[in-house]
Amino acid sequence: MVSVVGLVGLVVIVLVNSAVAALVTRFFRVRMNTRWGGALYSVLFGAFVLLLLSVLLSVPVGPFITLGTITFLSLGVVLPLVVGMTFDYVWMPSPDEVDLPTSTN
């Protein structure tokens, strides 16, 4: 049976990982000049970052969560990666559409 602490910890892991996935996706979309480069690097590098972050964030709530490996990977890596990338690609404007100021004054 899952405790309240385990559920809260799992929600925190999903929310933090979703925010990190959106930031990683935006970073690669801005830095890459190719069409598929940003998405490819976001999926490959983002999944690795989210896996490390999931493991680190699950240490305090580990005894309260009894999930299998596949469930943990889907809730800690796949779901936040999909949500974060969808947030960046659908809701945020394209990096080419954003006007940046020419001077810092």
C-alpha atoms as a PDB file:
ATOM      1  CA  MET A   1       0.000   0.000   0.000  1.00  0.00           C
ATOM      2  CA  VAL A   2       1.253   3.459  -0.883  1.00  0.00           C
ATOM      3  CA  SER A   3       1.431   6.050   1.875  1.00  0.00           C
ATOM      4  CA  VAL A   4       0.641   9.760   1.634  1.00  0.00           C
ATOM      5  CA  VAL A   5       4.351  10.596   1.869  1.00  0.00           C
ATOM      6  CA  GLY A   6       5.047   8.299  -1.067  1.00  0.00           C
ATOM      7  CA  LEU A   7       2.323   9.876  -3.199  1.00  0.00           C
ATOM      8  CA  VAL A   8       3.470  13.412  -2.395  1.00  0.00           C
ATOM      9  CA  GLY A   9       7.062  12.443  -3.167  1.00  0.00           C
ATOM     10  CA  LEU A  10       6.015  10.892  -6.461  1.00  0.00           C
ATOM     11  CA  VAL A  11       4.065  14.021  -7.444  1.00  0.00           C
ATOM     12  CA  VAL A  12       7.086  16.184  -6.573  1.00  0.00           C
ATOM     13  CA  ILE A  13       9.342  13.961  -8.685  1.00  0.00           C
ATOM     14  CA  VAL A  14       6.977  14.180 -11.674  1.00  0.00           C
ATOM     15  CA  LEU A  15       6.563  17.974 -11.379  1.00  0.00           C
ATOM     16  CA  VAL A  16      10.274  18.716 -10.946  1.00  0.00           C
ATOM     17  CA  ASN A  17      11.219  16.368 -13.774  1.00  0.00           C
ATOM     18  CA  SER A  18       8.594  17.923 -16.063  1.00  0.00           C
ATOM     19  CA  ALA A  19      10.021  21.392 -15.418  1.00  0.00           C
ATOM     20  CA  VAL A  20      13.571  20.158 -16.050  1.00  0.00           C
ATOM     21  CA  ALA A  21      12.459  18.423 -19.262  1.00  0.00           C
ATOM     22  CA  ALA A  22      10.854  21.654 -20.509  1.00  0.00           C
ATOM     23  CA  LEU A  23      14.041  23.605 -19.724  1.00  0.00           C
ATOM     24  CA  VAL A  24      16.288  21.025 -21.394  1.00  0.00           C
ATOM     25  CA  THR A  25      14.038  21.023 -24.457  1.00  0.00           C
ATOM     26  CA  ARG A  26      14.064  24.830 -24.660  1.00  0.00           C
ATOM     27  CA  PHE A  27      17.850  24.903 -24.236  1.00  0.00           C
ATOM     28  CA  PHE A  28      18.420  22.495 -27.105  1.00  0.00           C
ATOM     29  CA  ARG A  29      15.824  24.208 -29.319  1.00  0.00           C
ATOM     30  CA  VAL A  30      17.632  27.522 -28.870  1.00  0.00           C
ATOM     31  CA  ARG A  31      21.160  26.135 -29.276  1.00  0.00           C
ATOM     32  CA  MET A  32      20.626  23.784 -32.227  1.00  0.00           C
ATOM     33  CA  ASN A  33      20.346  25.206 -35.728  1.00  0.00           C
ATOM     34  CA  THR A  34      18.977  22.010 -37.239  1.00  0.00           C
ATOM     35  CA  ARG A  35      15.360  20.980 -37.498  1.00  0.00           C
ATOM     36  CA  TRP A  36      15.568  17.636 -35.669  1.00  0.00           C
ATOM     37  CA  GLY A  37      18.668  18.269 -33.549  1.00  0.00           C
ATOM     38  CA  GLY A  38      16.823  19.885 -30.652  1.00  0.00           C
ATOM     39  CA  ALA A  39      14.238  17.126 -30.424  1.00  0.00           C
ATOM     40  CA  LEU A  40      16.807  14.340 -30.742  1.00  0.00           C
ATOM     41  CA  TYR A  41      19.119  15.767 -28.102  1.00  0.00           C
ATOM     42  CA  SER A  42      16.148  16.505 -25.828  1.00  0.00           C
ATOM     43  CA  VAL A  43      15.005  12.899 -25.975  1.00  0.00           C
ATOM     44  CA  LEU A  44      18.444  11.323 -25.546  1.00  0.00           C
ATOM     45  CA  PHE A  45      20.137  13.718 -23.143  1.00  0.00           C
ATOM     46  CA  GLY A  46      16.894  14.698 -21.406  1.00  0.00           C
ATOM     47  CA  ALA A  47      16.064  11.080 -20.592  1.00  0.00           C
ATOM     48  CA  PHE A  48      19.504  10.616 -19.055  1.00  0.00           C
ATOM     49  CA  VAL A  49      19.185  13.791 -16.954  1.00  0.00           C
ATOM     50  CA  LEU A  50      15.686  12.817 -15.828  1.00  0.00           C
ATOM     51  CA  LEU A  51      16.839   9.333 -14.858  1.00  0.00           C
ATOM     52  CA  LEU A  52      19.600  10.766 -12.667  1.00  0.00           C
ATOM     53  CA  LEU A  53      17.245  13.339 -11.172  1.00  0.00           C
ATOM     54  CA  SER A  54      14.583  10.700 -10.496  1.00  0.00           C
ATOM     55  CA  VAL A  55      17.053   8.521  -8.651  1.00  0.00           C
ATOM     56  CA  LEU A  56      18.317  11.465  -6.588  1.00  0.00           C
ATOM     57  CA  LEU A  57      14.824  12.715  -5.741  1.00  0.00           C
ATOM     58  CA  SER A  58      13.553   9.247  -4.860  1.00  0.00           C
ATOM     59  CA  VAL A  59      16.165   8.698  -2.142  1.00  0.00           C
ATOM     60  CA  PRO A  60      14.194  10.521   0.611  1.00  0.00           C
ATOM     61  CA  VAL A  61      10.872   8.878  -0.303  1.00  0.00           C
ATOM     62  CA  GLY A  62      12.273   5.489  -1.312  1.00  0.00           C
ATOM     63  CA  PRO A  63      10.934   3.485   1.645  1.00  0.00           C
ATOM     64  CA  PHE A  64       7.451   4.924   1.109  1.00  0.00           C
ATOM     65  CA  ILE A  65       7.200   4.022  -2.591  1.00  0.00           C
ATOM     66  CA  THR A  66       6.924   0.401  -3.689  1.00  0.00           C
ATOM     67  CA  LEU A  67       7.013   0.618  -7.477  1.00  0.00           C
ATOM     68  CA  GLY A  68       8.475  -1.736 -10.019  1.00  0.00           C
ATOM     69  CA  THR A  69      11.296  -0.682 -12.310  1.00  0.00           C
ATOM     70  CA  ILE A  70       9.076  -0.171 -15.356  1.00  0.00           C
ATOM     71  CA  THR A  71       6.536   1.857 -13.384  1.00  0.00           C
ATOM     72  CA  PHE A  72       9.261   4.003 -11.841  1.00  0.00           C
ATOM     73  CA  LEU A  73      10.860   4.667 -15.237  1.00  0.00           C
ATOM     74  CA  SER A  74       7.510   5.516 -16.825  1.00  0.00           C
ATOM     75  CA  LEU A  75       6.472   7.862 -14.007  1.00  0.00           C
ATOM     76  CA  GLY A  76       9.905   9.349 -13.376  1.00  0.00           C
ATOM     77  CA  VAL A  77      11.332   9.651 -16.881  1.00  0.00           C
ATOM     78  CA  VAL A  78       8.881   9.015 -19.723  1.00  0.00           C
ATOM     79  CA  LEU A  79       5.846  10.930 -18.427  1.00  0.00           C
ATOM     80  CA  PRO A  80       7.816  14.070 -17.425  1.00  0.00           C
ATOM     81  CA  LEU A  81       9.766  13.989 -20.693  1.00  0.00           C
ATOM     82  CA  VAL A  82       6.557  13.842 -22.720  1.00  0.00           C
ATOM     83  CA  VAL A  83       4.885  16.560 -20.634  1.00  0.00           C
ATOM     84  CA  GLY A  84       7.949  18.842 -20.693  1.00  0.00           C
ATOM     85  CA  MET A  85       8.567  18.492 -24.417  1.00  0.00           C
ATOM     86  CA  THR A  86       4.883  18.966 -25.194  1.00  0.00           C
ATOM     87  CA  PHE A  87       4.833  22.089 -23.042  1.00  0.00           C
ATOM     88  CA  ASP A  88       7.816  23.542 -24.892  1.00  0.00           C
ATOM     89  CA  TYR A  89       6.827  22.561 -28.436  1.00  0.00           C
ATOM     90  CA  VAL A  90       3.095  23.314 -28.174  1.00  0.00           C
ATOM     91  CA  TRP A  91       2.671  26.134 -25.682  1.00  0.00           C
ATOM     92  CA  MET A  92       5.929  28.121 -25.913  1.00  0.00           C
ATOM     93  CA  PRO A  93       6.680  30.150 -29.047  1.00  0.00           C
ATOM     94  CA  SER A  94       9.399  28.978 -31.383  1.00  0.00           C
ATOM     95  CA  PRO A  95      12.857  30.441 -30.639  1.00  0.00           C
ATOM     96  CA  ASP A  96      12.804  32.059 -34.101  1.00  0.00           C
ATOM     97  CA  GLU A  97       9.610  33.968 -33.276  1.00  0.00           C
ATOM     98  CA  VAL A  98      10.957  35.620 -30.114  1.00  0.00           C
ATOM     99  CA  ASP A  99      12.307  39.152 -30.596  1.00  0.00           C
ATOM    100  CA  LEU A 100      15.367  39.885 -28.506  1.00  0.00           C
ATOM    101  CA  PRO A 101      16.500  43.427 -27.699  1.00  0.00           C
ATOM    102  CA  THR A 102      19.500  44.668 -29.661  1.00  0.00           C
ATOM    103  CA  SER A 103      21.024  46.647 -26.777  1.00  0.00           C
ATOM    104  CA  THR A 104      21.237  46.103 -23.044  1.00  0.00           C
ATOM    105  CA  ASN A 105      20.488  49.744 -22.121  1.00  0.00           C
END
